[in-house]
């Protein structure tokens, strides 16, 4: 029933009575309309079957800064979906990674491996995904992607996924889909040991701060500056394509501090003994594998890989790459619990 027909049918009922009926009917329409149609947004019929869209309306606006990591799809080992089938037919996985993040995705010049292959925590995960989907960890092609090009690389089809210390956020979920989280971290401040900077606090006043373009670090810095927070008087204009470039700027004295993920900052501090982490992390963030918005089947398949990887493989990779800088008993030393929509 249209609003016009509804108003016409209410003529002569009396002001209060008509308004009450209209409100009641509006409430009924609001409750009934979300239940129309048998399929959920991911193309499945949903747990309740046709006609039962449990929580669908709530989910559409449910993403917040505290639960963005819980928005992924349920895991599945099914490989008959369009995206996974195309990858299997092609014969290799195309993955966007970093090649400059020490212990995450980098080339070790002292490696004995032929060609100085990429190594690190994210690289191990990418190899595991290729192993489980294609039967070999080597059926993979890596593409070095700058921080600010991660989403465009996915949307353009340049890569099937990005495994590159990429934080799951509600804003990014508008552009890509994420797997369940595979690592817990948070933003921290990196500065010279001799610096008077003590953390993400008033000691950053009037300091020059570097962050990566398109990073959650920059978003936090800008929000605090615009809102009159601790960075209100700071200069945050220095942004770089790759977060490692901030370390170079710091070493050259062009900036006074760097804000980036604590896990990455710890690795940078391991590379340069003249810098250190200042204060504790001041945000809670989770890394996820990013994929195309249309690749539901690949998201589910990767989530199944992560289910198995958490049981066997994840901790061994952590101990090898990250334990030396983050510690064997840090809050990041265990894979985060996965929750799904």
Protein backbone atom coordinates (compact mmCIF):
# COMPACT_ATOMS: atom_id res chain seq x y z
CA UNK A 1 0.00 0.00 0.00
CA UNK A 2 1.44 3.39 -0.96
CA UNK A 3 1.58 6.30 1.48
CA UNK A 4 -0.97 8.22 -0.65
CA UNK A 5 -3.53 5.38 -0.62
CA UNK A 6 -2.98 4.94 3.09
CA UNK A 7 -3.72 8.61 3.78
CA UNK A 8 -6.82 8.47 1.61
CA UNK A 9 -8.20 5.43 3.40
CA UNK A 10 -7.79 7.18 6.75
CA UNK A 11 -9.98 10.19 5.86
CA UNK A 12 -12.81 10.72 8.29
CA UNK A 13 -11.43 8.39 10.99
CA UNK A 14 -10.49 11.23 13.29
CA UNK A 15 -7.04 12.73 13.83
CA UNK A 16 -5.81 10.70 16.82
CA UNK A 17 -7.30 7.39 15.74
CA UNK A 18 -5.98 7.75 12.19
CA UNK A 19 -2.50 8.57 13.41
CA UNK A 20 -2.49 5.56 15.71
CA UNK A 21 -3.50 3.21 12.91
CA UNK A 22 -0.92 4.71 10.55
CA UNK A 23 1.85 4.28 13.10
CA UNK A 24 0.82 0.71 13.75
CA UNK A 25 0.78 -0.16 10.06
CA UNK A 26 4.17 1.53 9.56
CA UNK A 27 5.61 -0.54 12.37
CA UNK A 28 4.21 -3.72 10.84
CA UNK A 29 5.71 -2.86 7.42
CA UNK A 30 9.10 -2.19 9.04
CA UNK A 31 9.04 -5.60 10.68
CA UNK A 32 7.77 -7.54 7.68
CA UNK A 33 9.80 -6.03 4.83
CA UNK A 34 13.25 -7.27 5.99
CA UNK A 35 11.87 -10.83 5.97
CA UNK A 36 10.85 -10.75 2.33
CA UNK A 37 13.03 -12.78 0.02
CA UNK A 38 14.63 -16.09 0.87
CA UNK A 39 18.32 -15.34 0.34
CA UNK A 40 20.90 -13.48 2.39
CA UNK A 41 23.40 -11.03 0.92
CA UNK A 42 26.06 -13.69 0.40
CA UNK A 43 23.90 -15.75 -1.93
CA UNK A 44 22.98 -18.45 0.58
CA UNK A 45 19.57 -19.15 2.02
CA UNK A 46 20.81 -18.52 5.55
CA UNK A 47 20.51 -20.68 8.65
CA UNK A 48 16.77 -20.19 9.00
CA UNK A 49 15.92 -21.07 5.40
CA UNK A 50 13.76 -19.05 2.99
CA UNK A 51 11.78 -16.24 4.56
CA UNK A 52 13.85 -16.05 7.76
CA UNK A 53 16.47 -13.30 7.69
CA UNK A 54 17.71 -13.57 11.24
CA UNK A 55 19.50 -10.36 12.18
CA UNK A 56 19.99 -9.27 8.56
CA UNK A 57 18.74 -5.73 9.11
CA UNK A 58 20.86 -5.34 12.25
CA UNK A 59 23.98 -6.62 10.51
CA UNK A 60 23.78 -3.94 7.83
CA UNK A 61 24.65 -1.26 10.38
CA UNK A 62 26.28 -3.40 13.05
CA UNK A 63 29.90 -2.82 12.13
CA UNK A 64 31.73 -0.74 14.73
CA UNK A 65 35.34 -0.04 15.63
CA UNK A 66 35.16 -2.80 18.22
CA UNK A 67 33.66 -5.60 16.11
CA UNK A 68 34.82 -4.97 12.55
CA UNK A 69 36.89 -8.16 12.82
CA UNK A 70 33.70 -10.20 13.41
CA UNK A 71 32.04 -9.39 10.06
CA UNK A 72 33.46 -12.20 7.94
CA UNK A 73 31.63 -15.18 6.45
CA UNK A 74 31.48 -18.67 7.90
CA UNK A 75 34.35 -20.96 6.81
CA UNK A 76 33.80 -23.60 4.13
CA UNK A 77 35.95 -26.15 2.36
CA UNK A 78 33.77 -26.02 -0.76
CA UNK A 79 35.85 -25.23 -3.85
CA UNK A 80 33.10 -25.22 -6.47
CA UNK A 81 32.46 -21.47 -6.25
CA UNK A 82 33.26 -19.19 -9.17
CA UNK A 83 36.33 -17.45 -7.73
CA UNK A 84 38.01 -20.51 -6.25
CA UNK A 85 37.29 -22.55 -9.39
CA UNK A 86 38.91 -19.85 -11.55
CA UNK A 87 42.02 -19.82 -9.35
CA UNK A 88 42.32 -23.60 -9.53
CA UNK A 89 41.90 -23.53 -13.31
CA UNK A 90 44.57 -20.83 -13.61
CA UNK A 91 46.90 -22.88 -11.44
CA UNK A 92 48.32 -20.25 -9.11
CA UNK A 93 47.30 -17.73 -6.46
CA UNK A 94 47.98 -14.02 -7.04
CA UNK A 95 48.76 -12.29 -3.75
CA UNK A 96 49.58 -8.69 -2.86
CA UNK A 97 52.25 -8.46 -0.16
CA UNK A 98 54.88 -6.18 1.31
CA UNK A 99 58.55 -6.65 0.50
CA UNK A 100 59.94 -4.09 2.93
CA UNK A 101 58.49 -5.05 6.33
CA UNK A 102 61.11 -6.86 8.37
CA UNK A 103 59.85 -10.25 9.61
CA UNK A 104 56.46 -9.76 7.90
CA UNK A 105 57.17 -9.59 4.19
CA UNK A 106 60.76 -8.83 3.12
CA UNK A 107 63.75 -10.05 1.20
CA UNK A 108 66.64 -11.12 3.40
CA UNK A 109 69.91 -10.25 1.65
CA UNK A 110 71.66 -12.86 3.79
CA UNK A 111 69.25 -15.63 2.85
CA UNK A 112 70.74 -18.79 1.42
CA UNK A 113 67.64 -19.33 -0.70
CA UNK A 114 68.05 -18.85 -4.42
CA UNK A 115 66.89 -15.44 -5.57
CA UNK A 116 66.42 -14.12 -2.03
CA UNK A 117 62.76 -15.13 -1.88
CA UNK A 118 60.23 -13.20 0.15
CA UNK A 119 60.02 -14.29 3.77
CA UNK A 120 58.06 -13.42 6.88
CA UNK A 121 54.90 -14.03 8.87
CA UNK A 122 52.51 -12.79 6.17
CA UNK A 123 54.43 -14.73 3.52
CA UNK A 124 54.04 -17.96 5.51
CA UNK A 125 50.28 -17.44 5.61
CA UNK A 126 50.10 -16.79 1.87
CA UNK A 127 52.01 -20.00 1.19
CA UNK A 128 49.64 -21.92 3.46
CA UNK A 129 46.60 -20.62 1.56
CA UNK A 130 48.18 -21.74 -1.72
CA UNK A 131 49.00 -25.13 -0.21
CA UNK A 132 45.46 -25.78 0.97
CA UNK A 133 43.69 -24.53 -2.16
CA UNK A 134 46.12 -25.60 -4.89
CA UNK A 135 48.05 -28.43 -3.24
CA UNK A 136 51.43 -26.68 -3.26
CA UNK A 137 52.80 -23.68 -1.32
CA UNK A 138 54.75 -22.66 -4.40
CA UNK A 139 51.73 -22.19 -6.68
CA UNK A 140 51.70 -18.50 -5.91
CA UNK A 141 52.72 -15.22 -7.52
CA UNK A 142 53.59 -12.33 -5.25
CA UNK A 143 53.01 -8.69 -6.13
CA UNK A 144 54.68 -5.98 -4.04
CA UNK A 145 51.85 -3.56 -3.22
CA UNK A 146 52.34 -0.17 -1.50
CA UNK A 147 50.18 0.52 1.57
CA UNK A 148 47.96 2.99 -0.27
CA UNK A 149 47.40 0.64 -3.24
CA UNK A 150 46.14 -2.42 -1.39
CA UNK A 151 42.45 -1.84 -2.03
CA UNK A 152 42.83 -0.66 -5.65
CA UNK A 153 44.90 -3.78 -6.42
CA UNK A 154 42.04 -5.97 -5.20
CA UNK A 155 39.28 -4.02 -6.91
CA UNK A 156 41.10 -3.97 -10.25
CA UNK A 157 41.68 -7.72 -10.19
CA UNK A 158 45.46 -7.32 -10.13
CA UNK A 159 45.54 -9.73 -7.18
CA UNK A 160 43.20 -12.34 -5.72
CA UNK A 161 43.93 -11.17 -2.20
CA UNK A 162 46.19 -9.00 -0.09
CA UNK A 163 48.11 -10.52 2.81
CA UNK A 164 49.94 -7.45 4.02
CA UNK A 165 49.43 -6.52 7.68
CA UNK A 166 46.09 -4.98 6.69
CA UNK A 167 43.79 -3.88 9.50
CA UNK A 168 40.12 -4.80 9.28
CA UNK A 169 37.97 -1.65 9.53
CA UNK A 170 34.34 -0.82 8.81
CA UNK A 171 35.43 1.79 6.26
CA UNK A 172 37.51 -0.75 4.34
CA UNK A 173 34.66 -3.27 4.49
CA UNK A 174 32.75 -0.92 2.19
CA UNK A 175 35.37 -1.62 -0.49
CA UNK A 176 36.64 -5.18 0.12
CA UNK A 177 35.81 -8.29 2.07
CA UNK A 178 38.05 -9.60 4.83
CA UNK A 179 38.77 -13.00 6.22
CA UNK A 180 38.42 -13.64 9.93
CA UNK A 181 41.28 -12.00 11.87
CA UNK A 182 44.66 -13.69 11.97
CA UNK A 183 46.63 -11.25 14.15
CA UNK A 184 46.05 -8.80 17.01
CA UNK A 185 47.95 -5.51 17.13
CA UNK A 186 47.42 -1.79 17.73
CA UNK A 187 48.92 1.60 16.97
CA UNK A 188 52.09 2.68 18.78
CA UNK A 189 54.64 5.47 18.62
CA UNK A 190 58.18 4.89 17.39
CA UNK A 191 60.80 7.54 18.13
CA UNK A 192 64.54 7.90 18.79
CA UNK A 193 65.64 6.55 22.16
CA UNK A 194 67.03 9.96 23.10
CA UNK A 195 63.70 11.66 22.31
CA UNK A 196 61.54 13.21 25.05
CA UNK A 197 58.47 11.65 23.44
CA UNK A 198 56.85 9.23 25.91
CA UNK A 199 53.97 7.79 23.88
CA UNK A 200 50.70 8.82 22.31
CA UNK A 201 50.25 11.74 24.68
CA UNK A 202 50.97 15.45 25.10
CA UNK A 203 54.64 14.82 24.41
CA UNK A 204 53.64 14.72 20.71
CA UNK A 205 52.61 18.39 20.81
CA UNK A 206 54.25 20.37 18.00
CA UNK A 207 56.14 17.27 16.84
CA UNK A 208 56.49 16.14 13.23
CA UNK A 209 54.79 12.75 12.85
CA UNK A 210 55.03 10.37 9.90
CA UNK A 211 52.47 7.75 8.88
CA UNK A 212 51.64 5.75 5.79
CA UNK A 213 49.13 7.17 3.35
CA UNK A 214 45.83 5.28 3.58
CA UNK A 215 46.77 3.67 6.91
CA UNK A 216 44.69 3.43 10.07
CA UNK A 217 47.54 5.31 11.77
CA UNK A 218 46.94 8.38 9.61
CA UNK A 219 43.18 8.17 10.12
CA UNK A 220 43.69 8.18 13.88
CA UNK A 221 46.17 11.06 13.73
CA UNK A 222 43.85 13.16 11.57
CA UNK A 223 40.78 12.44 13.69
CA UNK A 224 42.63 13.51 16.85
CA UNK A 225 44.07 16.59 15.19
CA UNK A 226 40.67 17.68 13.88
CA UNK A 227 39.08 16.92 17.24
CA UNK A 228 41.63 18.80 19.30
CA UNK A 229 43.26 15.66 20.70
CA UNK A 230 46.88 14.97 21.56
CA UNK A 231 47.99 15.69 17.98
CA UNK A 232 46.11 19.01 17.69
CA UNK A 233 49.35 21.01 17.42
CA UNK A 234 51.40 18.29 15.71
CA UNK A 235 52.48 18.31 12.08
CA UNK A 236 51.05 15.14 10.51
CA UNK A 237 51.53 16.22 6.91
CA UNK A 238 54.32 13.71 6.23
CA UNK A 239 52.73 10.63 4.69
CA UNK A 240 54.49 7.98 2.62
CA UNK A 241 53.39 5.14 0.28
CA UNK A 242 54.98 2.45 2.49
CA UNK A 243 55.18 2.63 6.26
CA UNK A 244 58.86 1.60 6.24
CA UNK A 245 59.60 4.90 4.48
CA UNK A 246 58.68 6.59 7.77
CA UNK A 247 61.62 4.90 9.46
CA UNK A 248 63.92 6.37 6.81
CA UNK A 249 62.43 9.83 7.39
CA UNK A 250 63.00 9.35 11.13
CA UNK A 251 66.60 8.29 10.57
CA UNK A 252 67.19 11.36 8.40
CA UNK A 253 65.77 13.65 11.05
CA UNK A 254 62.94 14.80 8.80
CA UNK A 255 60.31 13.75 11.37
CA UNK A 256 60.31 13.34 15.13
CA UNK A 257 58.13 10.26 15.47
CA UNK A 258 56.35 7.53 13.56
CA UNK A 259 52.89 6.15 14.27
CA UNK A 260 52.23 2.68 12.91
CA UNK A 261 51.11 -0.79 13.99
CA UNK A 262 53.00 -1.89 17.08
CA UNK A 263 53.94 -5.22 15.52
CA UNK A 264 55.54 -3.45 12.55
CA UNK A 265 57.16 -0.83 14.77
CA UNK A 266 58.75 -3.55 16.90
CA UNK A 267 60.33 -5.04 13.78
CA UNK A 268 61.61 -1.62 12.74
CA UNK A 269 63.13 -1.10 16.18
CA UNK A 270 64.89 -4.44 15.73
CA UNK A 271 66.39 -3.11 12.49
CA UNK A 272 67.57 0.15 14.03
CA UNK A 273 68.84 0.08 17.66
CA UNK A 274 68.69 3.89 17.88
CA UNK A 275 64.86 3.92 17.94
CA UNK A 276 62.33 2.34 20.29
CA UNK A 277 58.63 2.00 20.97
CA UNK A 278 57.28 4.78 23.18
CA UNK A 279 54.39 3.91 25.46
CA UNK A 280 51.79 1.17 25.02
CA UNK A 281 49.56 0.58 22.03
CA UNK A 282 46.61 2.98 22.08
CA UNK A 283 44.25 1.13 19.74
CA UNK A 284 43.15 -2.47 19.26
CA UNK A 285 43.28 -3.69 15.68
CA UNK A 286 43.18 -6.99 13.81
CA UNK A 287 44.81 -8.02 10.55
CA UNK A 288 42.77 -9.90 7.97
CA UNK A 289 43.23 -11.24 4.45
CA UNK A 290 41.50 -8.79 2.08
CA UNK A 291 39.61 -10.02 -1.00
CA UNK A 292 37.19 -8.74 -3.62
CA UNK A 293 33.66 -7.86 -2.51
CA UNK A 294 32.22 -10.41 -4.96
CA UNK A 295 34.46 -13.31 -3.86
CA UNK A 296 32.31 -14.82 -1.11
CA UNK A 297 33.43 -18.35 -1.95
CA UNK A 298 37.10 -17.39 -1.67
CA UNK A 299 36.50 -15.62 1.65
CA UNK A 300 34.85 -18.75 3.06
CA UNK A 301 37.64 -20.97 1.73
CA UNK A 302 40.35 -18.75 3.24
CA UNK A 303 38.49 -18.77 6.55
CA UNK A 304 38.62 -22.57 6.48
CA UNK A 305 42.36 -22.38 5.83
CA UNK A 306 42.66 -20.13 8.89
CA UNK A 307 40.69 -22.58 11.03
CA UNK A 308 43.26 -25.26 10.23
CA UNK A 309 46.22 -22.86 10.38
CA UNK A 310 45.36 -21.76 13.90
CA UNK A 311 45.54 -25.39 14.98
CA UNK A 312 48.81 -26.14 13.21
CA UNK A 313 51.23 -23.69 11.64
CA UNK A 314 50.30 -20.30 13.07
CA UNK A 315 52.30 -20.56 16.29
CA UNK A 316 55.34 -22.03 14.57
CA UNK A 317 55.38 -19.05 12.19
CA UNK A 318 54.97 -16.61 15.08
CA UNK A 319 57.85 -18.18 17.01
CA UNK A 320 60.09 -18.02 13.96
CA UNK A 321 59.39 -14.46 12.84
CA UNK A 322 57.77 -12.40 15.57
CA UNK A 323 58.68 -13.87 18.94
CA UNK A 324 62.18 -12.31 18.82
CA UNK A 325 60.68 -8.80 18.67
CA UNK A 326 57.25 -9.15 20.33
CA UNK A 327 58.02 -11.87 22.86
CA UNK A 328 56.83 -15.43 23.36
CA UNK A 329 54.13 -14.41 25.84
CA UNK A 330 52.84 -11.14 24.39
CA UNK A 331 49.13 -10.54 23.85
CA UNK A 332 49.80 -11.06 20.14
CA UNK A 333 51.42 -14.47 20.64
CA UNK A 334 48.18 -16.36 20.03
CA UNK A 335 45.81 -16.20 17.05
CA UNK A 336 42.69 -14.14 17.80
CA UNK A 337 39.39 -15.94 18.23
CA UNK A 338 37.29 -15.97 15.07
CA UNK A 339 33.67 -14.88 15.10
CA UNK A 340 31.44 -14.71 12.03
CA UNK A 341 28.31 -12.84 11.00
